[in-house]
Amino acid sequence: MARKPTDEVQLKLRFSEALRRRHERVAARNNRSMNTEIIHRLEESLARDPRDPLETARALRETYDRLAQLGLPESLGQRLTALSEKLDKLIARSQVPELSTLGSEPEDDGEKK
């Protein structure tokens, strides 16, 4: 029978005693079990994965916002604003298409402006 995404599984790992001790100390400092600490750290690292389209879209949005604050020419500012708005919509929906399409002309999504 196939596992469900919500099923808990056990996994045997091999790593050095030094690394185990470090995790033990950090877990204690964070008032977590070692298991909870390791899961927390794995989830955090995956959330920051630069290959994750949603995370990449958020990073692009931050970059566009910073560039827009530099007083760039109006035409470039308008383009950045359009891209920023498109990213906002994609992030809100958590539906990020291939990032190569983000640089193309803004799509008309039927919403009134």
Foldseek 3Di string as FASTA:
>chain_A
DDDDPPDDDDDDDDDDPVVVVVLCVVCVVVVHHSVVSVVVVVVVVVLCPCVQQLNVLVVVLVVLVVVLVPPDDPVVNVLSVLLNVVSVVCNVVVNGDPVVCSNDDRDCPPDDD
